[in-house]
């Protein structure tokens, strides 16, 4: 459940046009809880693979594998949102950093032609 909450929180922050630092903090939190989920889920699946614990294979009304897949899907959706924001910011930063170089190069070409 922590993964789905963290994923919703990140997507909600994106929809509210929060600053990148807030999204980055939300992504960091999502990564932590997703890592925890993966470790716990792996151990849980191992335990319920024993027939004497078969009755515990249902989590939140879903088969354990379906539940795992749904949690991963939530994580991946939020990760995709964050990655698109990060890519946009990186592209803008590259454009801004190459802007002065392009102007200087243009000026050098104009001087050379004269």
PDB file of N, CA and C in Angstrom:
ATOM      1  N   UNK A   1       0.817  -1.192   0.000  1.00  0.00           N
ATOM      2  CA  UNK A   1       0.000   0.000   0.000  1.00  0.00           C
ATOM      3  C   UNK A   1       0.859   1.254   0.000  1.00  0.00           C
ATOM      4  N   UNK A   2       2.022   1.194   0.624  1.00  0.00           N
ATOM      5  CA  UNK A   2       2.898   2.368   0.664  1.00  0.00           C
ATOM      6  C   UNK A   2       3.327   2.781  -0.740  1.00  0.00           C
ATOM      7  N   UNK A   3       3.519   1.813  -1.625  1.00  0.00           N
ATOM      8  CA  UNK A   3       3.944   2.128  -2.987  1.00  0.00           C
ATOM      9  C   UNK A   3       2.840   2.876  -3.719  1.00  0.00           C
ATOM     10  N   UNK A   4       1.615   2.399  -3.606  1.00  0.00           N
ATOM     11  CA  UNK A   4       0.523   3.066  -4.315  1.00  0.00           C
ATOM     12  C   UNK A   4       0.290   4.471  -3.771  1.00  0.00           C
ATOM     13  N   UNK A   5       0.442   4.655  -2.477  1.00  0.00           N
ATOM     14  CA  UNK A   5       0.284   5.991  -1.878  1.00  0.00           C
ATOM     15  C   UNK A   5       1.397   6.913  -2.367  1.00  0.00           C
ATOM     16  N   UNK A   6       2.636   6.436  -2.347  1.00  0.00           N
ATOM     17  CA  UNK A   6       3.768   7.251  -2.801  1.00  0.00           C
ATOM     18  C   UNK A   6       3.638   7.582  -4.289  1.00  0.00           C
ATOM     19  N   UNK A   7       3.164   6.630  -5.081  1.00  0.00           N
ATOM     20  CA  UNK A   7       2.970   6.868  -6.514  1.00  0.00           C
ATOM     21  C   UNK A   7       1.893   7.920  -6.737  1.00  0.00           C
ATOM     22  N   UNK A   8       0.785   7.810  -6.018  1.00  0.00           N
ATOM     23  CA  UNK A   8      -0.278   8.812  -6.135  1.00  0.00           C
ATOM     24  C   UNK A   8       0.205  10.184  -5.696  1.00  0.00           C
ATOM     25  N   UNK A   9       1.021  10.208  -4.658  1.00  0.00           N
ATOM     26  CA  UNK A   9       1.560  11.472  -4.154  1.00  0.00           C
ATOM     27  C   UNK A   9       2.435  12.141  -5.222  1.00  0.00           C
ATOM     28  N   UNK A  10       3.291  11.366  -5.873  1.00  0.00           N
ATOM     29  CA  UNK A  10       4.160  11.918  -6.912  1.00  0.00           C
ATOM     30  C   UNK A  10       3.344  12.427  -8.101  1.00  0.00           C
ATOM     31  N   UNK A  11       2.398  11.630  -8.554  1.00  0.00           N
ATOM     32  CA  UNK A  11       1.565  12.038  -9.688  1.00  0.00           C
ATOM     33  C   UNK A  11       0.721  13.256  -9.316  1.00  0.00           C
ATOM     34  N   UNK A  12       0.221  13.293  -8.090  1.00  0.00           N
ATOM     35  CA  UNK A  12      -0.535  14.454  -7.626  1.00  0.00           C
ATOM     36  C   UNK A  12       0.316  15.710  -7.600  1.00  0.00           C
ATOM     37  N   UNK A  13       1.558  15.587  -7.147  1.00  0.00           N
ATOM     38  CA  UNK A  13       2.478  16.734  -7.129  1.00  0.00           C
ATOM     39  C   UNK A  13       2.739  17.217  -8.553  1.00  0.00           C
ATOM     40  N   UNK A  14       2.882  16.295  -9.475  1.00  0.00           N
ATOM     41  CA  UNK A  14       3.068  16.656 -10.884  1.00  0.00           C
ATOM     42  C   UNK A  14       1.834  17.392 -11.411  1.00  0.00           C
ATOM     43  N   UNK A  15       0.653  16.879 -11.117  1.00  0.00           N
ATOM     44  CA  UNK A  15      -0.584  17.506 -11.591  1.00  0.00           C
ATOM     45  C   UNK A  15      -0.807  18.888 -10.983  1.00  0.00           C
ATOM     46  N   UNK A  16      -0.228  19.128  -9.811  1.00  0.00           N
ATOM     47  CA  UNK A  16      -0.330  20.447  -9.169  1.00  0.00           C
ATOM     48  C   UNK A  16       0.808  21.375  -9.583  1.00  0.00           C
ATOM     49  N   UNK A  17       1.608  20.937 -10.544  1.00  0.00           N
ATOM     50  CA  UNK A  17       2.746  21.723 -11.043  1.00  0.00           C
ATOM     51  C   UNK A  17       3.732  22.098  -9.945  1.00  0.00           C
ATOM     52  N   UNK A  18       4.014  21.150  -9.068  1.00  0.00           N
ATOM     53  CA  UNK A  18       4.991  21.391  -8.000  1.00  0.00           C
ATOM     54  C   UNK A  18       6.391  21.497  -8.602  1.00  0.00           C
ATOM     55  N   UNK A  19       7.282  22.103  -7.845  1.00  0.00           N
ATOM     56  CA  UNK A  19       8.660  22.266  -8.294  1.00  0.00           C
ATOM     57  C   UNK A  19       9.341  20.905  -8.441  1.00  0.00           C
ATOM     58  N   UNK A  20      10.384  20.899  -9.259  1.00  0.00           N
ATOM     59  CA  UNK A  20      11.122  19.666  -9.537  1.00  0.00           C
ATOM     60  C   UNK A  20      11.691  19.050  -8.264  1.00  0.00           C
ATOM     61  N   UNK A  21      12.165  19.867  -7.335  1.00  0.00           N
ATOM     62  CA  UNK A  21      12.736  19.330  -6.091  1.00  0.00           C
ATOM     63  C   UNK A  21      11.712  18.515  -5.305  1.00  0.00           C
ATOM     64  N   UNK A  22      10.467  18.952  -5.325  1.00  0.00           N
ATOM     65  CA  UNK A  22       9.408  18.207  -4.636  1.00  0.00           C
ATOM     66  C   UNK A  22       9.164  16.878  -5.352  1.00  0.00           C
ATOM     67  N   UNK A  23       9.143  16.920  -6.673  1.00  0.00           N
ATOM     68  CA  UNK A  23       8.970  15.682  -7.443  1.00  0.00           C
ATOM     69  C   UNK A  23      10.143  14.734  -7.211  1.00  0.00           C
ATOM     70  N   UNK A  24      11.341  15.294  -7.143  1.00  0.00           N
ATOM     71  CA  UNK A  24      12.533  14.470  -6.911  1.00  0.00           C
ATOM     72  C   UNK A  24      12.473  13.817  -5.534  1.00  0.00           C
ATOM     73  N   UNK A  25      12.042  14.575  -4.519  1.00  0.00           N
ATOM     74  CA  UNK A  25      11.884  14.006  -3.175  1.00  0.00           C
ATOM     75  C   UNK A  25      10.821  12.910  -3.170  1.00  0.00           C
ATOM     76  N   UNK A  26       9.724  13.147  -3.898  1.00  0.00           N
ATOM     77  CA  UNK A  26       8.660  12.144  -3.986  1.00  0.00           C
ATOM     78  C   UNK A  26       9.161  10.887  -4.688  1.00  0.00           C
ATOM     79  N   UNK A  27       9.980  11.063  -5.711  1.00  0.00           N
ATOM     80  CA  UNK A  27      10.529   9.908  -6.423  1.00  0.00           C
ATOM     81  C   UNK A  27      11.484   9.139  -5.529  1.00  0.00           C
ATOM     82  N   UNK A  28      12.278   9.844  -4.740  1.00  0.00           N
ATOM     83  CA  UNK A  28      13.188   9.188  -3.800  1.00  0.00           C
ATOM     84  C   UNK A  28      12.394   8.336  -2.809  1.00  0.00           C
ATOM     85  N   UNK A  29      11.309   8.903  -2.283  1.00  0.00           N
ATOM     86  CA  UNK A  29      10.458   8.161  -1.343  1.00  0.00           C
ATOM     87  C   UNK A  29       9.824   6.953  -2.030  1.00  0.00           C
ATOM     88  N   UNK A  30       9.351   7.139  -3.254  1.00  0.00           N
ATOM     89  CA  UNK A  30       8.753   6.031  -4.001  1.00  0.00           C
ATOM     90  C   UNK A  30       9.768   4.907  -4.209  1.00  0.00           C
ATOM     91  N   UNK A  31      10.993   5.252  -4.545  1.00  0.00           N
ATOM     92  CA  UNK A  31      12.033   4.235  -4.730  1.00  0.00           C
ATOM     93  C   UNK A  31      12.268   3.451  -3.441  1.00  0.00           C
ATOM     94  N   UNK A  32      12.303   4.160  -2.318  1.00  0.00           N
ATOM     95  CA  UNK A  32      12.520   3.480  -1.035  1.00  0.00           C
ATOM     96  C   UNK A  32      11.403   2.492  -0.736  1.00  0.00           C
ATOM     97  N   UNK A  33      10.157   2.943  -0.840  1.00  0.00           N
ATOM     98  CA  UNK A  33       9.049   2.053  -0.483  1.00  0.00           C
ATOM     99  C   UNK A  33       8.890   0.927  -1.503  1.00  0.00           C
ATOM    100  N   UNK A  34       9.235   1.189  -2.763  1.00  0.00           N
ATOM    101  CA  UNK A  34       9.163   0.119  -3.764  1.00  0.00           C
ATOM    102  C   UNK A  34      10.236  -0.935  -3.496  1.00  0.00           C
ATOM    103  N   UNK A  35      11.426  -0.501  -3.126  1.00  0.00           N
ATOM    104  CA  UNK A  35      12.474  -1.466  -2.760  1.00  0.00           C
ATOM    105  C   UNK A  35      12.026  -2.322  -1.580  1.00  0.00           C
ATOM    106  N   UNK A  36      11.451  -1.673  -0.569  1.00  0.00           N
ATOM    107  CA  UNK A  36      10.937  -2.416   0.590  1.00  0.00           C
ATOM    108  C   UNK A  36       9.872  -3.418   0.157  1.00  0.00           C
ATOM    109  N   UNK A  37       8.960  -2.961  -0.698  1.00  0.00           N
ATOM    110  CA  UNK A  37       7.900  -3.837  -1.188  1.00  0.00           C
ATOM    111  C   UNK A  37       8.481  -5.062  -1.895  1.00  0.00           C
ATOM    112  N   UNK A  38       9.468  -4.853  -2.750  1.00  0.00           N
ATOM    113  CA  UNK A  38      10.056  -5.970  -3.504  1.00  0.00           C
ATOM    114  C   UNK A  38      10.671  -7.010  -2.574  1.00  0.00           C
ATOM    115  N   UNK A  39      11.384  -6.545  -1.563  1.00  0.00           N
ATOM    116  CA  UNK A  39      12.012  -7.469  -0.611  1.00  0.00           C
ATOM    117  C   UNK A  39      10.947  -8.238   0.165  1.00  0.00           C
ATOM    118  N   UNK A  40       9.981  -7.510   0.704  1.00  0.00           N
ATOM    119  CA  UNK A  40       8.926  -8.140   1.506  1.00  0.00           C
ATOM    120  C   UNK A  40       8.086  -9.079   0.654  1.00  0.00           C
ATOM    121  N   UNK A  41       7.734  -8.641  -0.547  1.00  0.00           N
ATOM    122  CA  UNK A  41       6.899  -9.457  -1.422  1.00  0.00           C
ATOM    123  C   UNK A  41       7.599 -10.757  -1.805  1.00  0.00           C
ATOM    124  N   UNK A  42       8.876 -10.673  -2.087  1.00  0.00           N
ATOM    125  CA  UNK A  42       9.631 -11.882  -2.440  1.00  0.00           C
ATOM    126  C   UNK A  42       9.602 -12.894  -1.292  1.00  0.00           C
ATOM    127  N   UNK A  43       9.812 -12.408  -0.088  1.00  0.00           N
ATOM    128  CA  UNK A  43       9.775 -13.296   1.078  1.00  0.00           C
ATOM    129  C   UNK A  43       8.366 -13.850   1.301  1.00  0.00           C
ATOM    130  N   UNK A  44       7.366 -12.981   1.137  1.00  0.00           N
ATOM    131  CA  UNK A  44       5.982 -13.402   1.343  1.00  0.00           C
ATOM    132  C   UNK A  44       5.582 -14.463   0.318  1.00  0.00           C
ATOM    133  N   UNK A  45       5.953 -14.248  -0.939  1.00  0.00           N
ATOM    134  CA  UNK A  45       5.621 -15.238  -1.969  1.00  0.00           C
ATOM    135  C   UNK A  45       6.276 -16.583  -1.679  1.00  0.00           C
ATOM    136  N   UNK A  46       7.474 -16.539  -1.152  1.00  0.00           N
ATOM    137  CA  UNK A  46       8.157 -17.778  -0.791  1.00  0.00           C
ATOM    138  C   UNK A  46       7.405 -18.507   0.321  1.00  0.00           C
ATOM    139  N   UNK A  47       6.955 -17.759   1.314  1.00  0.00           N
ATOM    140  CA  UNK A  47       6.219 -18.362   2.434  1.00  0.00           C
ATOM    141  C   UNK A  47       4.904 -18.969   1.962  1.00  0.00           C
ATOM    142  N   UNK A  48       4.130 -18.211   1.182  1.00  0.00           N
ATOM    143  CA  UNK A  48       2.811 -18.709   0.772  1.00  0.00           C
ATOM    144  C   UNK A  48       2.899 -19.759  -0.324  1.00  0.00           C
ATOM    145  N   UNK A  49       4.095 -20.002  -0.852  1.00  0.00           N
ATOM    146  CA  UNK A  49       4.232 -21.101  -1.810  1.00  0.00           C
ATOM    147  C   UNK A  49       4.079 -22.447  -1.107  1.00  0.00           C
ATOM    148  N   UNK A  50       4.275 -22.461   0.197  1.00  0.00           N
ATOM    149  CA  UNK A  50       4.046 -23.661   1.009  1.00  0.00           C
ATOM    150  C   UNK A  50       2.532 -23.851   1.131  1.00  0.00           C
ATOM    151  N   UNK A  51       2.052 -25.025   0.813  1.00  0.00           N
ATOM    152  CA  UNK A  51       0.611 -25.302   0.813  1.00  0.00           C
ATOM    153  C   UNK A  51      -0.061 -25.042   2.158  1.00  0.00           C
ATOM    154  N   UNK A  52       0.660 -25.179   3.243  1.00  0.00           N
ATOM    155  CA  UNK A  52      -0.003 -24.948   4.533  1.00  0.00           C
ATOM    156  C   UNK A  52      -0.314 -23.460   4.760  1.00  0.00           C
ATOM    157  N   UNK A  53       0.257 -22.563   3.932  1.00  0.00           N
ATOM    158  CA  UNK A  53      -0.051 -21.126   4.030  1.00  0.00           C
ATOM    159  C   UNK A  53      -0.827 -20.635   2.808  1.00  0.00           C
ATOM    160  N   UNK A  54      -1.378 -21.551   2.050  1.00  0.00           N
ATOM    161  CA  UNK A  54      -2.070 -21.221   0.802  1.00  0.00           C
ATOM    162  C   UNK A  54      -3.210 -20.231   0.999  1.00  0.00           C
ATOM    163  N   UNK A  55      -3.847 -20.274   2.149  1.00  0.00           N
ATOM    164  CA  UNK A  55      -4.975 -19.363   2.409  1.00  0.00           C
ATOM    165  C   UNK A  55      -4.540 -17.897   2.449  1.00  0.00           C
ATOM    166  N   UNK A  56      -3.241 -17.637   2.576  1.00  0.00           N
ATOM    167  CA  UNK A  56      -2.721 -16.268   2.648  1.00  0.00           C
ATOM    168  C   UNK A  56      -2.232 -15.748   1.295  1.00  0.00           C
ATOM    169  N   UNK A  57      -2.596 -16.451   0.244  1.00  0.00           N
ATOM    170  CA  UNK A  57      -2.175 -16.038  -1.101  1.00  0.00           C
ATOM    171  C   UNK A  57      -3.026 -14.909  -1.669  1.00  0.00           C
ATOM    172  N   UNK A  58      -4.019 -14.496  -0.941  1.00  0.00           N
ATOM    173  CA  UNK A  58      -4.873 -13.392  -1.373  1.00  0.00           C
ATOM    174  C   UNK A  58      -4.516 -12.163  -0.549  1.00  0.00           C
ATOM    175  N   UNK A  59      -4.184 -11.071  -1.262  1.00  0.00           N
ATOM    176  CA  UNK A  59      -3.814  -9.812  -0.614  1.00  0.00           C
ATOM    177  C   UNK A  59      -4.736  -8.726  -1.149  1.00  0.00           C
ATOM    178  N   UNK A  60      -5.419  -8.043  -0.241  1.00  0.00           N
ATOM    179  CA  UNK A  60      -6.373  -6.992  -0.628  1.00  0.00           C
ATOM    180  C   UNK A  60      -7.365  -7.488  -1.684  1.00  0.00           C
ATOM    181  N   UNK A  61      -7.800  -8.712  -1.543  1.00  0.00           N
ATOM    182  CA  UNK A  61      -8.793  -9.282  -2.443  1.00  0.00           C
ATOM    183  C   UNK A  61      -8.239  -9.767  -3.771  1.00  0.00           C
ATOM    184  N   UNK A  62      -6.915  -9.756  -3.928  1.00  0.00           N
ATOM    185  CA  UNK A  62      -6.308 -10.177  -5.187  1.00  0.00           C
ATOM    186  C   UNK A  62      -5.312 -11.308  -4.934  1.00  0.00           C
ATOM    187  N   UNK A  63      -5.166 -12.149  -5.939  1.00  0.00           N
ATOM    188  CA  UNK A  63      -4.115 -13.167  -5.906  1.00  0.00           C
ATOM    189  C   UNK A  63      -2.778 -12.449  -5.703  1.00  0.00           C
ATOM    190  N   UNK A  64      -1.848 -13.077  -5.001  1.00  0.00           N
ATOM    191  CA  UNK A  64      -0.572 -12.441  -4.651  1.00  0.00           C
ATOM    192  C   UNK A  64       0.173 -11.930  -5.885  1.00  0.00           C
ATOM    193  N   UNK A  65       0.131 -12.677  -6.976  1.00  0.00           N
ATOM    194  CA  UNK A  65       0.841 -12.248  -8.193  1.00  0.00           C
ATOM    195  C   UNK A  65       0.136 -11.074  -8.863  1.00  0.00           C
ATOM    196  N   UNK A  66      -1.173 -11.095  -8.866  1.00  0.00           N
ATOM    197  CA  UNK A  66      -1.934  -9.973  -9.424  1.00  0.00           C
ATOM    198  C   UNK A  66      -1.684  -8.717  -8.608  1.00  0.00           C
ATOM    199  N   UNK A  67      -1.682  -8.874  -7.297  1.00  0.00           N
ATOM    200  CA  UNK A  67      -1.400  -7.747  -6.406  1.00  0.00           C
ATOM    201  C   UNK A  67      -0.007  -7.179  -6.697  1.00  0.00           C
ATOM    202  N   UNK A  68       0.990  -8.046  -6.808  1.00  0.00           N
ATOM    203  CA  UNK A  68       2.363  -7.614  -7.111  1.00  0.00           C
ATOM    204  C   UNK A  68       2.410  -6.864  -8.437  1.00  0.00           C
ATOM    205  N   UNK A  69       1.746  -7.391  -9.452  1.00  0.00           N
ATOM    206  CA  UNK A  69       1.742  -6.752 -10.768  1.00  0.00           C
ATOM    207  C   UNK A  69       1.074  -5.380 -10.724  1.00  0.00           C
ATOM    208  N   UNK A  70      -0.008  -5.258  -9.957  1.00  0.00           N
ATOM    209  CA  UNK A  70      -0.692  -3.966  -9.836  1.00  0.00           C
ATOM    210  C   UNK A  70       0.168  -2.937  -9.114  1.00  0.00           C
ATOM    211  N   UNK A  71       0.881  -3.364  -8.095  1.00  0.00           N
ATOM    212  CA  UNK A  71       1.781  -2.451  -7.379  1.00  0.00           C
ATOM    213  C   UNK A  71       2.906  -2.005  -8.309  1.00  0.00           C
ATOM    214  N   UNK A  72       3.464  -2.937  -9.064  1.00  0.00           N
ATOM    215  CA  UNK A  72       4.531  -2.589 -10.014  1.00  0.00           C
ATOM    216  C   UNK A  72       4.027  -1.624 -11.078  1.00  0.00           C
ATOM    217  N   UNK A  73       2.793  -1.829 -11.526  1.00  0.00           N
ATOM    218  CA  UNK A  73       2.209  -0.932 -12.527  1.00  0.00           C
ATOM    219  C   UNK A  73       2.086   0.486 -11.975  1.00  0.00           C
ATOM    220  N   UNK A  74       1.635   0.615 -10.731  1.00  0.00           N
ATOM    221  CA  UNK A  74       1.540   1.934 -10.086  1.00  0.00           C
ATOM    222  C   UNK A  74       2.914   2.592 -10.014  1.00  0.00           C
ATOM    223  N   UNK A  75       3.904   1.814  -9.621  1.00  0.00           N
ATOM    224  CA  UNK A  75       5.279   2.323  -9.542  1.00  0.00           C
ATOM    225  C   UNK A  75       5.746   2.795 -10.920  1.00  0.00           C
ATOM    226  N   UNK A  76       5.525   1.975 -11.936  1.00  0.00           N
ATOM    227  CA  UNK A  76       5.999   2.305 -13.278  1.00  0.00           C
ATOM    228  C   UNK A  76       5.307   3.539 -13.847  1.00  0.00           C
ATOM    229  N   UNK A  77       4.017   3.712 -13.557  1.00  0.00           N
ATOM    230  CA  UNK A  77       3.301   4.905 -14.012  1.00  0.00           C
ATOM    231  C   UNK A  77       3.912   6.161 -13.402  1.00  0.00           C
ATOM    232  N   UNK A  78       4.141   6.128 -12.097  1.00  0.00           N
ATOM    233  CA  UNK A  78       4.728   7.282 -11.420  1.00  0.00           C
ATOM    234  C   UNK A  78       6.156   7.511 -11.908  1.00  0.00           C
ATOM    235  N   UNK A  79       6.904   6.453 -12.097  1.00  0.00           N
ATOM    236  CA  UNK A  79       8.287   6.558 -12.589  1.00  0.00           C
ATOM    237  C   UNK A  79       8.310   7.197 -13.973  1.00  0.00           C
ATOM    238  N   UNK A  80       7.351   6.829 -14.806  1.00  0.00           N
ATOM    239  CA  UNK A  80       7.254   7.384 -16.150  1.00  0.00           C
ATOM    240  C   UNK A  80       6.983   8.888 -16.107  1.00  0.00           C
ATOM    241  N   UNK A  81       6.090   9.304 -15.223  1.00  0.00           N
ATOM    242  CA  UNK A  81       5.795  10.735 -15.054  1.00  0.00           C
ATOM    243  C   UNK A  81       7.060  11.474 -14.638  1.00  0.00           C
ATOM    244  N   UNK A  82       7.756  10.940 -13.631  1.00  0.00           N
ATOM    245  CA  UNK A  82       8.975  11.587 -13.151  1.00  0.00           C
ATOM    246  C   UNK A  82      10.033  11.642 -14.252  1.00  0.00           C
ATOM    247  N   UNK A  83      10.217  10.545 -14.968  1.00  0.00           N
ATOM    248  CA  UNK A  83      11.228  10.507 -16.026  1.00  0.00           C
ATOM    249  C   UNK A  83      10.938  11.529 -17.120  1.00  0.00           C
ATOM    250  N   UNK A  84       9.660  11.728 -17.462  1.00  0.00           N
ATOM    251  CA  UNK A  84       9.324  12.711 -18.497  1.00  0.00           C
ATOM    252  C   UNK A  84       9.639  14.130 -18.024  1.00  0.00           C
ATOM    253  N   UNK A  85       9.364  14.421 -16.756  1.00  0.00           N
ATOM    254  CA  UNK A  85       9.689  15.741 -16.205  1.00  0.00           C
ATOM    255  C   UNK A  85      11.201  15.934 -16.185  1.00  0.00           C
ATOM    256  N   UNK A  86      11.915  14.927 -15.737  1.00  0.00           N
ATOM    257  CA  UNK A  86      13.379  15.002 -15.656  1.00  0.00           C
ATOM    258  C   UNK A  86      13.984  15.218 -17.040  1.00  0.00           C
ATOM    259  N   UNK A  87      13.488  14.508 -18.036  1.00  0.00           N
ATOM    260  CA  UNK A  87      13.984  14.654 -19.405  1.00  0.00           C
ATOM    261  C   UNK A  87      13.742  16.062 -19.925  1.00  0.00           C
ATOM    262  N   UNK A  88      12.561  16.602 -19.676  1.00  0.00           N
ATOM    263  CA  UNK A  88      12.237  17.961 -20.104  1.00  0.00           C
ATOM    264  C   UNK A  88      13.178  18.971 -19.463  1.00  0.00           C
ATOM    265  N   UNK A  89      13.420  18.836 -18.183  1.00  0.00           N
ATOM    266  CA  UNK A  89      14.310  19.754 -17.468  1.00  0.00           C
ATOM    267  C   UNK A  89      15.735  19.642 -18.007  1.00  0.00           C
ATOM    268  N   UNK A  90      16.194  18.435 -18.250  1.00  0.00           N
ATOM    269  CA  UNK A  90      17.546  18.241 -18.785  1.00  0.00           C
ATOM    270  C   UNK A  90      17.683  18.832 -20.181  1.00  0.00           C
ATOM    271  N   UNK A  91      16.646  18.698 -21.010  1.00  0.00           N
ATOM    272  CA  UNK A  91      16.681  19.275 -22.356  1.00  0.00           C
ATOM    273  C   UNK A  91      16.739  20.794 -22.289  1.00  0.00           C
ATOM    274  N   UNK A  92      15.939  21.393 -21.405  1.00  0.00           N
ATOM    275  CA  UNK A  92      15.957  22.853 -21.247  1.00  0.00           C
ATOM    276  C   UNK A  92      17.322  23.325 -20.759  1.00  0.00           C
ATOM    277  N   UNK A  93      17.914  22.590 -19.842  1.00  0.00           N
ATOM    278  CA  UNK A  93      19.233  22.962 -19.317  1.00  0.00           C
ATOM    279  C   UNK A  93      20.288  22.895 -20.418  1.00  0.00           C
ATOM    280  N   UNK A  94      20.226  21.881 -21.263  1.00  0.00           N
ATOM    281  CA  UNK A  94      21.177  21.768 -22.374  1.00  0.00           C
ATOM    282  C   UNK A  94      21.001  22.914 -23.361  1.00  0.00           C
ATOM    283  N   UNK A  95      19.743  23.255 -23.649  1.00  0.00           N
ATOM    284  CA  UNK A  95      19.481  24.348 -24.580  1.00  0.00           C
ATOM    285  C   UNK A  95      20.009  25.666 -24.028  1.00  0.00           C
ATOM    286  N   UNK A  96      19.807  25.886 -22.734  1.00  0.00           N
ATOM    287  CA  UNK A  96      20.279  27.123 -22.123  1.00  0.00           C
ATOM    288  C   UNK A  96      21.795  27.176 -22.085  1.00  0.00           C
ATOM    289  N   UNK A  97      22.434  26.050 -21.849  1.00  0.00           N
ATOM    290  CA  UNK A  97      23.896  26.054 -21.753  1.00  0.00           C
ATOM    291  C   UNK A  97      24.559  26.180 -23.120  1.00  0.00           C
ATOM    292  N   UNK A  98      23.899  25.758 -24.191  1.00  0.00           N
ATOM    293  CA  UNK A  98      24.488  25.883 -25.523  1.00  0.00           C
ATOM    294  C   UNK A  98      24.127  27.199 -26.181  1.00  0.00           C
ATOM    295  N   UNK A  99      23.162  27.914 -25.644  1.00  0.00           N
ATOM    296  CA  UNK A  99      22.757  29.204 -26.218  1.00  0.00           C
ATOM    297  C   UNK A  99      23.904  30.188 -26.344  1.00  0.00           C
ATOM    298  N   UNK A 100      24.655  30.492 -25.272  1.00  0.00           N
ATOM    299  CA  UNK A 100      25.770  31.441 -25.367  1.00  0.00           C
ATOM    300  C   UNK A 100      26.861  30.976 -26.335  1.00  0.00           C
ATOM    301  N   UNK A 101      27.084  29.681 -26.424  1.00  0.00           N
ATOM    302  CA  UNK A 101      28.091  29.149 -27.342  1.00  0.00           C
ATOM    303  C   UNK A 101      27.670  29.411 -28.779  1.00  0.00           C
ATOM    304  N   UNK A 102      26.394  29.208 -29.075  1.00  0.00           N
ATOM    305  CA  UNK A 102      25.894  29.441 -30.430  1.00  0.00           C
ATOM    306  C   UNK A 102      26.022  30.911 -30.808  1.00  0.00           C
ATOM    307  N   UNK A 103      25.712  31.808 -29.887  1.00  0.00           N
ATOM    308  CA  UNK A 103      25.815  33.243 -30.147  1.00  0.00           C
ATOM    309  C   UNK A 103      27.271  33.624 -30.382  1.00  0.00           C
ATOM    310  N   UNK A 104      28.168  33.118 -29.549  1.00  0.00           N
ATOM    311  CA  UNK A 104      29.593  33.421 -29.707  1.00  0.00           C
ATOM    312  C   UNK A 104      30.112  32.888 -31.038  1.00  0.00           C
ATOM    313  N   UNK A 105      29.702  31.699 -31.406  1.00  0.00           N
ATOM    314  CA  UNK A 105      30.119  31.109 -32.673  1.00  0.00           C
ATOM    315  C   UNK A 105      29.598  31.934 -33.840  1.00  0.00           C
ATOM    316  N   UNK A 106      28.363  32.368 -33.755  1.00  0.00           N
ATOM    317  CA  UNK A 106      27.768  33.191 -34.807  1.00  0.00           C
ATOM    318  C   UNK A 106      28.543  34.494 -34.936  1.00  0.00           C
ATOM    319  N   UNK A 107      28.872  35.107 -33.807  1.00  0.00           N
ATOM    320  CA  UNK A 107      29.638  36.359 -33.830  1.00  0.00           C
ATOM    321  C   UNK A 107      31.018  36.143 -34.445  1.00  0.00           C
ATOM    322  N   UNK A 108      31.659  35.026 -34.123  1.00  0.00           N
ATOM    323  CA  UNK A 108      32.970  34.718 -34.698  1.00  0.00           C
ATOM    324  C   UNK A 108      32.880  34.549 -36.214  1.00  0.00           C
ATOM    325  N   UNK A 109      31.835  33.911 -36.683  1.00  0.00           N
ATOM    326  CA  UNK A 109      31.648  33.705 -38.120  1.00  0.00           C
ATOM    327  C   UNK A 109      31.428  35.038 -38.811  1.00  0.00           C
ATOM    328  N   UNK A 110      30.613  35.907 -38.220  1.00  0.00           N
ATOM    329  CA  UNK A 110      30.343  37.227 -38.799  1.00  0.00           C
ATOM    330  C   UNK A 110      31.642  38.026 -38.877  1.00  0.00           C
ATOM    331  N   UNK A 111      32.451  38.012 -37.827  1.00  0.00           N
ATOM    332  CA  UNK A 111      33.724  38.734 -37.822  1.00  0.00           C
ATOM    333  C   UNK A 111      34.661  38.169 -38.886  1.00  0.00           C
ATOM    334  N   UNK A 112      34.684  36.864 -39.021  1.00  0.00           N
ATOM    335  CA  UNK A 112      35.556  36.214 -39.989  1.00  0.00           C
ATOM    336  C   UNK A 112      35.169  36.605 -41.411  1.00  0.00           C
ATOM    337  N   UNK A 113      33.878  36.717 -41.666  1.00  0.00           N
ATOM    338  CA  UNK A 113      33.379  37.047 -42.996  1.00  0.00           C
ATOM    339  C   UNK A 113      33.685  38.498 -43.357  1.00  0.00           C
ATOM    340  N   UNK A 114      33.792  39.362 -42.354  1.00  0.00           N
ATOM    341  CA  UNK A 114      34.046  40.793 -42.629  1.00  0.00           C
ATOM    342  C   UNK A 114      35.466  41.025 -42.863  1.00  0.00           C
TER     343      UNK A 114
END
